[in-house]
PDB file of N, CA and C in Angstrom:
ATOM      1  N   ARG A   1       0.831  -1.320  -0.128  1.00  0.00           N
ATOM      2  CA  ARG A   1      -0.190  -0.254  -0.026  1.00  0.00           C
ATOM      3  C   ARG A   1       0.912   1.281   0.072  1.00  0.00           C
ATOM      4  N   PRO A   2       0.554   2.407  -0.835  1.00  0.00           N
ATOM      5  CA  PRO A   2       1.386   3.330  -1.003  1.00  0.00           C
ATOM      6  C   PRO A   2       1.497   4.148   0.277  1.00  0.00           C
ATOM      7  N   SER A   3       2.578   4.820   0.640  1.00  0.00           N
ATOM      8  CA  SER A   3       2.539   6.103   1.500  1.00  0.00           C
ATOM      9  C   SER A   3       1.743   7.231   1.335  1.00  0.00           C
ATOM     10  N   GLY A   4       1.652   7.502   0.113  1.00  0.00           N
ATOM     11  CA  GLY A   4       0.999   8.725  -0.363  1.00  0.00           C
ATOM     12  C   GLY A   4       2.510  10.133  -0.816  1.00  0.00           C
ATOM     13  N   ASP A   5       3.621   9.136  -0.256  1.00  0.00           N
ATOM     14  CA  ASP A   5       4.583  10.150  -0.628  1.00  0.00           C
ATOM     15  C   ASP A   5       5.459   9.549  -1.590  1.00  0.00           C
ATOM     16  N   PRO A   6       5.568  10.042  -3.023  1.00  0.00           N
ATOM     17  CA  PRO A   6       6.362   9.361  -4.190  1.00  0.00           C
ATOM     18  C   PRO A   6       7.731   8.961  -3.613  1.00  0.00           C
ATOM     19  N   ASP A   7       8.345   9.954  -2.898  1.00  0.00           N
ATOM     20  CA  ASP A   7       9.940   9.804  -2.698  1.00  0.00           C
ATOM     21  C   ASP A   7       9.946   8.570  -1.784  1.00  0.00           C
ATOM     22  N   ILE A   8       9.019   8.525  -0.673  1.00  0.00           N
ATOM     23  CA  ILE A   8       9.028   7.593   0.382  1.00  0.00           C
ATOM     24  C   ILE A   8       8.879   6.275  -0.315  1.00  0.00           C
ATOM     25  N   ASP A   9       8.103   6.062  -1.213  1.00  0.00           N
ATOM     26  CA  ASP A   9       7.437   4.934  -2.029  1.00  0.00           C
ATOM     27  C   ASP A   9       8.682   4.315  -2.644  1.00  0.00           C
ATOM     28  N   ALA A  10       9.244   5.229  -3.512  1.00  0.00           N
ATOM     29  CA  ALA A  10      10.369   5.131  -4.383  1.00  0.00           C
ATOM     30  C   ALA A  10      11.624   4.416  -3.564  1.00  0.00           C
ATOM     31  N   GLU A  11      11.973   4.980  -2.152  1.00  0.00           N
ATOM     32  CA  GLU A  11      12.899   4.445  -1.400  1.00  0.00           C
ATOM     33  C   GLU A  11      12.702   2.928  -0.735  1.00  0.00           C
ATOM     34  N   ILE A  12      11.416   2.982  -0.458  1.00  0.00           N
ATOM     35  CA  ILE A  12      10.842   1.453  -0.111  1.00  0.00           C
ATOM     36  C   ILE A  12      11.385   0.543  -0.978  1.00  0.00           C
ATOM     37  N   ALA A  13      10.793   0.961  -2.252  1.00  0.00           N
ATOM     38  CA  ALA A  13      10.973  -0.082  -3.363  1.00  0.00           C
ATOM     39  C   ALA A  13      12.570  -0.339  -3.756  1.00  0.00           C
ATOM     40  N   ALA A  14      13.266   0.909  -3.451  1.00  0.00           N
ATOM     41  CA  ALA A  14      14.672   0.296  -3.565  1.00  0.00           C
ATOM     42  C   ALA A  14      15.357  -0.190  -2.566  1.00  0.00           C
ATOM     43  N   MET A  15      14.723  -0.179  -1.313  1.00  0.00           N
ATOM     44  CA  MET A  15      15.023  -1.128  -0.241  1.00  0.00           C
ATOM     45  C   MET A  15      14.963  -2.657  -0.377  1.00  0.00           C
ATOM     46  N   VAL A  16      13.759  -2.988  -0.970  1.00  0.00           N
ATOM     47  CA  VAL A  16      13.367  -4.247  -1.427  1.00  0.00           C
ATOM     48  C   VAL A  16      14.508  -4.878  -2.476  1.00  0.00           C
ATOM     49  N   ARG A  17      14.725  -3.932  -3.460  1.00  0.00           N
ATOM     50  CA  ARG A  17      15.671  -4.351  -4.653  1.00  0.00           C
ATOM     51  C   ARG A  17      16.838  -4.518  -4.036  1.00  0.00           C
ATOM     52  N   ARG A  18      17.487  -3.454  -3.104  1.00  0.00           N
ATOM     53  CA  ARG A  18      18.856  -3.981  -2.439  1.00  0.00           C
ATOM     54  C   ARG A  18      18.754  -5.170  -1.594  1.00  0.00           C
ATOM     55  N   ALA A  19      17.788  -5.590  -0.909  1.00  0.00           N
ATOM     56  CA  ALA A  19      17.739  -7.060  -0.143  1.00  0.00           C
ATOM     57  C   ALA A  19      17.650  -7.865  -1.148  1.00  0.00           C
ATOM     58  N   SER A  20      17.300  -8.313  -2.232  1.00  0.00           N
ATOM     59  CA  SER A  20      17.230  -9.175  -2.841  1.00  0.00           C
ATOM     60  C   SER A  20      18.467  -9.876  -3.452  1.00  0.00           C
ATOM     61  N   PRO A  21      18.815 -10.990  -4.032  1.00  0.00           N
ATOM     62  CA  PRO A  21      17.634 -11.852  -4.234  1.00  0.00           C
ATOM     63  C   PRO A  21      17.124 -12.699  -3.011  1.00  0.00           C
ATOM     64  N   PHE A  22      15.892 -12.815  -2.844  1.00  0.00           N
ATOM     65  CA  PHE A  22      15.204 -13.901  -1.866  1.00  0.00           C
ATOM     66  C   PHE A  22      15.392 -15.383  -2.040  1.00  0.00           C
ATOM     67  N   PRO A  23      15.426 -15.685  -1.298  1.00  0.00           N
ATOM     68  CA  PRO A  23      15.347 -17.381  -1.394  1.00  0.00           C
ATOM     69  C   PRO A  23      14.046 -17.756  -2.107  1.00  0.00           C
ATOM     70  N   PRO A  24      13.819 -18.810  -2.639  1.00  0.00           N
ATOM     71  CA  PRO A  24      12.554 -19.359  -3.187  1.00  0.00           C
ATOM     72  C   PRO A  24      11.702 -19.650  -1.857  1.00  0.00           C
ATOM     73  N   PRO A  25      10.573 -19.185  -2.237  1.00  0.00           N
ATOM     74  CA  PRO A  25       9.530 -20.071  -0.852  1.00  0.00           C
ATOM     75  C   PRO A  25       9.495 -21.285  -1.038  1.00  0.00           C
ATOM     76  N   PRO A  26       9.017 -22.144   0.178  1.00  0.00           N
ATOM     77  CA  PRO A  26       8.720 -23.670  -0.028  1.00  0.00           C
ATOM     78  C   PRO A  26       7.674 -23.735  -1.176  1.00  0.00           C
ATOM     79  N   ALA A  27       7.753 -25.128  -1.827  1.00  0.00           N
ATOM     80  CA  ALA A  27       6.542 -25.567  -2.590  1.00  0.00           C
ATOM     81  C   ALA A  27       5.374 -25.527  -2.116  1.00  0.00           C
ATOM     82  N   GLY A  28       4.295 -24.898  -2.486  1.00  0.00           N
ATOM     83  CA  GLY A  28       3.083 -24.635  -2.080  1.00  0.00           C
ATOM     84  C   GLY A  28       2.919 -23.656  -1.154  1.00  0.00           C
ATOM     85  N   ALA A  29       3.999 -22.543  -0.986  1.00  0.00           N
ATOM     86  CA  ALA A  29       3.406 -21.413  -0.181  1.00  0.00           C
ATOM     87  C   ALA A  29       3.212 -20.524  -0.851  1.00  0.00           C
ATOM     88  N   PRO A  30       2.305 -19.347  -0.541  1.00  0.00           N
ATOM     89  CA  PRO A  30       1.913 -18.003  -1.003  1.00  0.00           C
ATOM     90  C   PRO A  30       3.113 -17.387  -1.576  1.00  0.00           C
ATOM     91  N   HIS A  31       3.052 -16.663  -2.470  1.00  0.00           N
ATOM     92  CA  HIS A  31       4.067 -15.721  -2.953  1.00  0.00           C
ATOM     93  C   HIS A  31       3.553 -14.130  -2.241  1.00  0.00           C
ATOM     94  N   VAL A  32       3.697 -14.179  -0.955  1.00  0.00           N
ATOM     95  CA  VAL A  32       3.282 -13.102  -0.300  1.00  0.00           C
ATOM     96  C   VAL A  32       4.440 -12.405   0.544  1.00  0.00           C
ATOM     97  N   PHE A  33       4.890 -11.274   0.234  1.00  0.00           N
ATOM     98  CA  PHE A  33       5.889 -10.536   1.189  1.00  0.00           C
ATOM     99  C   PHE A  33       5.248  -9.550   2.084  1.00  0.00           C
ATOM    100  N   SER A  34       5.294  -9.416   3.145  1.00  0.00           N
ATOM    101  CA  SER A  34       4.982  -8.170   3.850  1.00  0.00           C
ATOM    102  C   SER A  34       5.932  -7.620   5.078  1.00  0.00           C
ATOM    103  N   ALA A  35       6.195  -6.320   4.888  1.00  0.00           N
ATOM    104  CA  ALA A  35       7.083  -5.824   5.795  1.00  0.00           C
ATOM    105  C   ALA A  35       6.871  -4.436   6.207  1.00  0.00           C
ATOM    106  N   SER A  36       7.003  -4.038   7.609  1.00  0.00           N
ATOM    107  CA  SER A  36       6.722  -2.424   7.954  1.00  0.00           C
ATOM    108  C   SER A  36       8.152  -1.924   7.779  1.00  0.00           C
ATOM    109  N   VAL A  37       7.685  -0.791   7.497  1.00  0.00           N
ATOM    110  CA  VAL A  37       8.599   0.258   7.419  1.00  0.00           C
ATOM    111  C   VAL A  37       8.652   1.632   8.006  1.00  0.00           C
ATOM    112  N   ASN A  38       9.789   2.039   9.045  1.00  0.00           N
ATOM    113  CA  ASN A  38       9.452   3.355   9.571  1.00  0.00           C
ATOM    114  C   ASN A  38      10.605   4.325   9.115  1.00  0.00           C
ATOM    115  N   PHE A  39      10.126   5.590   8.874  1.00  0.00           N
ATOM    116  CA  PHE A  39      11.032   6.510   8.436  1.00  0.00           C
ATOM    117  C   PHE A  39      10.916   7.534   9.456  1.00  0.00           C
ATOM    118  N   LYS A  40      11.974   8.061   9.889  1.00  0.00           N
ATOM    119  CA  LYS A  40      11.956   9.374  10.689  1.00  0.00           C
ATOM    120  C   LYS A  40      12.548  10.572   9.657  1.00  0.00           C
ATOM    121  N   LEU A  41      11.630  11.526   9.462  1.00  0.00           N
ATOM    122  CA  LEU A  41      11.777  12.645   8.663  1.00  0.00           C
ATOM    123  C   LEU A  41      12.478  13.834   9.478  1.00  0.00           C
ATOM    124  N   GLU A  42      13.343  14.035   9.025  1.00  0.00           N
ATOM    125  CA  GLU A  42      14.118  15.423   9.848  1.00  0.00           C
ATOM    126  C   GLU A  42      14.085  16.817   9.054  1.00  0.00           C
TER     127      GLU A  42
END
């Protein structure tokens, strides 16, 4: 779900790309990834 701020959304997408590659999920497991991200803007 987008944050509503395009710069924050772009950084979150970049964080996920930098964290990859992810190992493949076990057979039959759903392909869902969920994470909470907190930013402190100063």
